[in-house]
Amino acid sequence: MVVASRSGAKLNMKIATLKEKLAADGFREIDVLEWEADRFNETHSHPYTARAYILSGTLTVDCGTEATTCGKGDEFTLEPNIPHTERAGPEGVKFVFGIKR
């Protein structure tokens, strides 16, 4: 299941602050990733919880029964072991990413 936050209060934090927020929430292996336009990752799953904060562009995570598109200022959390695909938007996507085992 993808849990996305798209409330009226979009994230407008610096990268260092987002990394600190992930670490405070127990996430590790924190990095900034940048994917090219329309990058598509075939169906896969992760043995960990993943969380991302979108810095620019869009990212769609499709779990088969639910597709969630997040844009600049959004965050999402993907629970472990959920088969899904990922697709960057036409402008690519840049995001801060962390995992929790």
N, C-alpha and C. Protein backbone atom coordinates (compact mmCIF):
# COMPACT_ATOMS: atom_id res chain seq x y z
N MET A 1 0.83 -1.17 0.00
CA MET A 1 0.00 0.00 0.00
C MET A 1 0.88 1.25 0.00
N VAL A 2 0.51 2.21 -0.81
CA VAL A 2 1.22 3.49 -0.86
C VAL A 2 0.43 4.49 -0.03
N VAL A 3 1.11 5.11 0.88
CA VAL A 3 0.49 6.17 1.66
C VAL A 3 1.13 7.47 1.22
N ALA A 4 0.35 8.33 0.59
CA ALA A 4 0.88 9.59 0.07
C ALA A 4 0.31 10.75 0.86
N SER A 5 1.13 11.75 1.07
CA SER A 5 0.69 12.96 1.74
C SER A 5 0.65 14.08 0.72
N ARG A 6 -0.57 14.55 0.45
CA ARG A 6 -0.72 15.65 -0.48
C ARG A 6 -1.62 16.72 0.13
N SER A 7 -1.48 16.92 1.42
CA SER A 7 -2.32 17.91 2.07
C SER A 7 -1.97 19.29 1.53
N GLY A 8 -2.76 20.28 1.90
CA GLY A 8 -2.51 21.63 1.44
C GLY A 8 -1.13 22.14 1.81
N ALA A 9 -0.54 21.57 2.85
CA ALA A 9 0.80 22.00 3.28
C ALA A 9 1.85 21.12 2.60
N LYS A 10 2.24 21.53 1.43
CA LYS A 10 3.29 20.79 0.70
C LYS A 10 4.62 20.97 1.41
N LEU A 11 5.47 19.97 1.31
CA LEU A 11 6.79 20.06 1.91
C LEU A 11 7.60 21.13 1.18
N ASN A 12 8.22 21.98 1.93
CA ASN A 12 9.07 23.00 1.35
C ASN A 12 10.31 23.10 2.23
N MET A 13 11.03 21.99 2.33
CA MET A 13 12.18 21.92 3.22
C MET A 13 13.45 21.72 2.40
N LYS A 14 14.56 22.05 3.00
CA LYS A 14 15.86 21.80 2.38
C LYS A 14 16.17 20.31 2.45
N ILE A 15 17.03 19.88 1.54
CA ILE A 15 17.40 18.46 1.48
C ILE A 15 17.93 17.97 2.83
N ALA A 16 18.79 18.75 3.47
CA ALA A 16 19.36 18.34 4.75
C ALA A 16 18.26 18.13 5.80
N THR A 17 17.26 18.99 5.79
CA THR A 17 16.15 18.87 6.74
C THR A 17 15.34 17.61 6.47
N LEU A 18 15.09 17.31 5.17
CA LEU A 18 14.35 16.09 4.82
C LEU A 18 15.13 14.85 5.23
N LYS A 19 16.45 14.86 5.05
CA LYS A 19 17.27 13.73 5.48
C LYS A 19 17.20 13.55 6.99
N GLU A 20 17.24 14.66 7.73
CA GLU A 20 17.13 14.59 9.19
C GLU A 20 15.77 14.04 9.61
N LYS A 21 14.73 14.44 8.91
CA LYS A 21 13.37 13.95 9.21
C LYS A 21 13.28 12.45 8.99
N LEU A 22 13.85 11.96 7.89
CA LEU A 22 13.86 10.52 7.63
C LEU A 22 14.61 9.79 8.74
N ALA A 23 15.78 10.28 9.08
CA ALA A 23 16.59 9.63 10.11
C ALA A 23 15.85 9.62 11.45
N ALA A 24 15.18 10.71 11.79
CA ALA A 24 14.44 10.79 13.05
C ALA A 24 13.29 9.79 13.08
N ASP A 25 12.76 9.45 11.89
CA ASP A 25 11.67 8.47 11.80
C ASP A 25 12.18 7.04 11.65
N GLY A 26 13.50 6.83 11.80
CA GLY A 26 14.06 5.49 11.78
C GLY A 26 14.49 4.99 10.42
N PHE A 27 14.51 5.87 9.41
CA PHE A 27 14.94 5.46 8.07
C PHE A 27 16.45 5.57 7.95
N ARG A 28 17.03 4.68 7.15
CA ARG A 28 18.48 4.63 6.95
C ARG A 28 18.77 4.58 5.45
N GLU A 29 20.04 4.49 5.10
CA GLU A 29 20.46 4.45 3.70
C GLU A 29 19.77 5.57 2.92
N ILE A 30 19.84 6.75 3.48
CA ILE A 30 19.16 7.93 2.93
C ILE A 30 20.01 8.53 1.83
N ASP A 31 19.35 8.85 0.71
CA ASP A 31 20.08 9.38 -0.44
C ASP A 31 19.16 10.27 -1.27
N VAL A 32 19.75 11.06 -2.13
CA VAL A 32 19.00 11.83 -3.11
C VAL A 32 19.15 11.12 -4.45
N LEU A 33 18.02 10.76 -5.06
CA LEU A 33 18.02 10.04 -6.33
C LEU A 33 17.42 10.92 -7.41
N GLU A 34 17.92 10.77 -8.62
CA GLU A 34 17.38 11.51 -9.76
C GLU A 34 17.22 10.53 -10.92
N TRP A 35 16.00 10.41 -11.42
CA TRP A 35 15.70 9.50 -12.52
C TRP A 35 15.35 10.30 -13.76
N GLU A 36 15.76 9.77 -14.90
CA GLU A 36 15.48 10.43 -16.18
C GLU A 36 13.99 10.34 -16.53
N ALA A 37 13.61 11.16 -17.47
CA ALA A 37 12.22 11.22 -17.93
C ALA A 37 11.71 9.84 -18.33
N ASP A 38 10.51 9.52 -17.89
CA ASP A 38 9.79 8.30 -18.26
C ASP A 38 10.48 7.00 -17.86
N ARG A 39 11.44 7.07 -16.96
CA ARG A 39 12.06 5.82 -16.47
C ARG A 39 10.97 4.93 -15.89
N PHE A 40 11.03 3.65 -16.24
CA PHE A 40 10.04 2.69 -15.78
C PHE A 40 10.75 1.51 -15.13
N ASN A 41 10.37 1.19 -13.90
CA ASN A 41 10.89 0.03 -13.19
C ASN A 41 9.79 -1.03 -13.15
N GLU A 42 10.08 -2.17 -13.73
CA GLU A 42 9.12 -3.29 -13.80
C GLU A 42 8.66 -3.70 -12.40
N THR A 43 7.65 -4.54 -12.35
CA THR A 43 7.09 -5.00 -11.08
C THR A 43 8.17 -5.64 -10.21
N HIS A 44 8.22 -5.17 -8.98
CA HIS A 44 9.18 -5.68 -8.00
C HIS A 44 8.62 -5.35 -6.61
N SER A 45 9.30 -5.80 -5.58
CA SER A 45 8.92 -5.44 -4.21
C SER A 45 10.21 -5.26 -3.41
N HIS A 46 10.06 -4.68 -2.23
CA HIS A 46 11.20 -4.44 -1.36
C HIS A 46 10.92 -5.09 0.00
N PRO A 47 11.95 -5.64 0.65
CA PRO A 47 11.74 -6.24 1.98
C PRO A 47 11.81 -5.20 3.09
N TYR A 48 11.56 -3.94 2.77
CA TYR A 48 11.66 -2.85 3.74
C TYR A 48 10.60 -1.79 3.41
N THR A 49 10.34 -0.93 4.38
CA THR A 49 9.48 0.23 4.16
C THR A 49 10.31 1.29 3.47
N ALA A 50 9.75 1.90 2.44
CA ALA A 50 10.44 2.97 1.70
C ALA A 50 9.66 4.27 1.87
N ARG A 51 10.40 5.36 2.02
CA ARG A 51 9.75 6.67 2.08
C ARG A 51 10.53 7.62 1.18
N ALA A 52 9.79 8.47 0.48
CA ALA A 52 10.41 9.45 -0.42
C ALA A 52 9.73 10.79 -0.30
N TYR A 53 10.54 11.83 -0.46
CA TYR A 53 10.06 13.21 -0.54
C TYR A 53 10.42 13.71 -1.93
N ILE A 54 9.43 14.10 -2.70
CA ILE A 54 9.65 14.51 -4.08
C ILE A 54 10.15 15.96 -4.11
N LEU A 55 11.31 16.15 -4.73
CA LEU A 55 11.91 17.48 -4.82
C LEU A 55 11.51 18.18 -6.12
N SER A 56 11.42 17.41 -7.20
CA SER A 56 11.00 17.97 -8.50
C SER A 56 10.49 16.83 -9.37
N GLY A 57 9.67 17.19 -10.36
CA GLY A 57 9.11 16.19 -11.26
C GLY A 57 7.97 15.42 -10.61
N THR A 58 7.66 14.25 -11.21
CA THR A 58 6.61 13.39 -10.67
C THR A 58 7.06 11.94 -10.68
N LEU A 59 6.47 11.17 -9.78
CA LEU A 59 6.73 9.73 -9.69
C LEU A 59 5.40 9.04 -9.44
N THR A 60 5.10 8.03 -10.26
CA THR A 60 3.89 7.24 -10.09
C THR A 60 4.28 5.85 -9.61
N VAL A 61 3.68 5.43 -8.50
CA VAL A 61 3.86 4.09 -7.95
C VAL A 61 2.53 3.36 -8.13
N ASP A 62 2.57 2.23 -8.85
CA ASP A 62 1.36 1.48 -9.17
C ASP A 62 1.44 0.11 -8.51
N CYS A 63 0.50 -0.15 -7.60
CA CYS A 63 0.45 -1.42 -6.87
C CYS A 63 -0.54 -2.40 -7.49
N GLY A 64 -0.96 -2.14 -8.72
CA GLY A 64 -1.88 -3.03 -9.40
C GLY A 64 -3.32 -2.60 -9.23
N THR A 65 -3.74 -2.41 -7.99
CA THR A 65 -5.11 -1.96 -7.74
C THR A 65 -5.16 -0.48 -7.41
N GLU A 66 -4.00 0.13 -7.23
CA GLU A 66 -3.94 1.53 -6.83
C GLU A 66 -2.69 2.16 -7.43
N ALA A 67 -2.87 3.25 -8.16
CA ALA A 67 -1.73 4.01 -8.68
C ALA A 67 -1.73 5.38 -8.02
N THR A 68 -0.58 5.78 -7.51
CA THR A 68 -0.45 7.06 -6.83
C THR A 68 0.63 7.87 -7.51
N THR A 69 0.30 9.08 -7.92
CA THR A 69 1.28 9.99 -8.52
C THR A 69 1.59 11.10 -7.53
N CYS A 70 2.87 11.27 -7.25
CA CYS A 70 3.32 12.30 -6.33
C CYS A 70 4.16 13.30 -7.10
N GLY A 71 4.03 14.57 -6.74
CA GLY A 71 4.79 15.63 -7.38
C GLY A 71 5.57 16.42 -6.34
N LYS A 72 6.20 17.48 -6.81
CA LYS A 72 7.05 18.32 -5.96
C LYS A 72 6.31 18.67 -4.66
N GLY A 73 7.00 18.42 -3.54
CA GLY A 73 6.44 18.73 -2.23
C GLY A 73 5.66 17.60 -1.60
N ASP A 74 5.40 16.52 -2.35
CA ASP A 74 4.67 15.37 -1.79
C ASP A 74 5.65 14.40 -1.15
N GLU A 75 5.13 13.59 -0.25
CA GLU A 75 5.88 12.47 0.29
C GLU A 75 5.04 11.22 0.14
N PHE A 76 5.72 10.07 0.08
CA PHE A 76 4.97 8.82 0.09
C PHE A 76 5.74 7.77 0.87
N THR A 77 4.99 6.83 1.40
CA THR A 77 5.55 5.70 2.11
C THR A 77 4.99 4.43 1.48
N LEU A 78 5.86 3.49 1.19
CA LEU A 78 5.47 2.19 0.62
C LEU A 78 5.85 1.11 1.62
N GLU A 79 4.86 0.37 2.07
CA GLU A 79 5.09 -0.70 3.03
C GLU A 79 5.88 -1.85 2.38
N PRO A 80 6.52 -2.71 3.18
CA PRO A 80 7.34 -3.80 2.63
C PRO A 80 6.52 -4.85 1.88
N ASN A 81 7.20 -5.50 0.95
CA ASN A 81 6.70 -6.69 0.25
C ASN A 81 5.45 -6.45 -0.58
N ILE A 82 5.27 -5.25 -1.08
CA ILE A 82 4.12 -4.95 -1.93
C ILE A 82 4.60 -4.85 -3.38
N PRO A 83 4.16 -5.77 -4.24
CA PRO A 83 4.56 -5.68 -5.66
C PRO A 83 4.07 -4.36 -6.26
N HIS A 84 4.94 -3.70 -7.00
CA HIS A 84 4.60 -2.41 -7.59
C HIS A 84 5.53 -2.09 -8.75
N THR A 85 5.10 -1.14 -9.57
CA THR A 85 5.96 -0.55 -10.59
C THR A 85 6.18 0.90 -10.22
N GLU A 86 7.20 1.49 -10.83
CA GLU A 86 7.51 2.90 -10.62
C GLU A 86 7.75 3.54 -11.97
N ARG A 87 7.21 4.76 -12.15
CA ARG A 87 7.43 5.47 -13.40
C ARG A 87 7.68 6.95 -13.10
N ALA A 88 8.81 7.45 -13.60
CA ALA A 88 9.09 8.88 -13.52
C ALA A 88 8.25 9.59 -14.57
N GLY A 89 7.90 10.82 -14.28
CA GLY A 89 7.10 11.60 -15.22
C GLY A 89 7.92 12.07 -16.41
N PRO A 90 7.29 12.79 -17.34
CA PRO A 90 7.96 13.23 -18.56
C PRO A 90 9.10 14.20 -18.32
N GLU A 91 9.17 14.78 -17.12
CA GLU A 91 10.26 15.68 -16.79
C GLU A 91 11.28 15.02 -15.87
N GLY A 92 11.11 13.72 -15.63
CA GLY A 92 11.98 13.00 -14.70
C GLY A 92 11.51 13.24 -13.28
N VAL A 93 12.32 12.81 -12.31
CA VAL A 93 11.97 13.01 -10.90
C VAL A 93 13.25 13.03 -10.07
N LYS A 94 13.24 13.87 -9.07
CA LYS A 94 14.34 13.94 -8.10
C LYS A 94 13.70 13.83 -6.73
N PHE A 95 14.26 12.95 -5.88
CA PHE A 95 13.65 12.73 -4.56
C PHE A 95 14.65 12.32 -3.51
N VAL A 96 14.33 12.62 -2.27
CA VAL A 96 15.08 12.14 -1.11
C VAL A 96 14.42 10.84 -0.70
N PHE A 97 15.24 9.80 -0.49
CA PHE A 97 14.74 8.45 -0.30
C PHE A 97 15.42 7.79 0.89
N GLY A 98 14.64 7.04 1.67
CA GLY A 98 15.21 6.28 2.78
C GLY A 98 14.47 4.97 2.97
N ILE A 99 15.13 4.02 3.64
CA ILE A 99 14.50 2.72 3.90
C ILE A 99 14.53 2.41 5.39
N LYS A 100 13.53 1.66 5.81
CA LYS A 100 13.44 1.20 7.21
C LYS A 100 13.26 -0.31 7.19
N ARG A 101 14.22 -1.01 7.75
CA ARG A 101 14.16 -2.48 7.79
C ARG A 101 13.51 -2.97 9.05
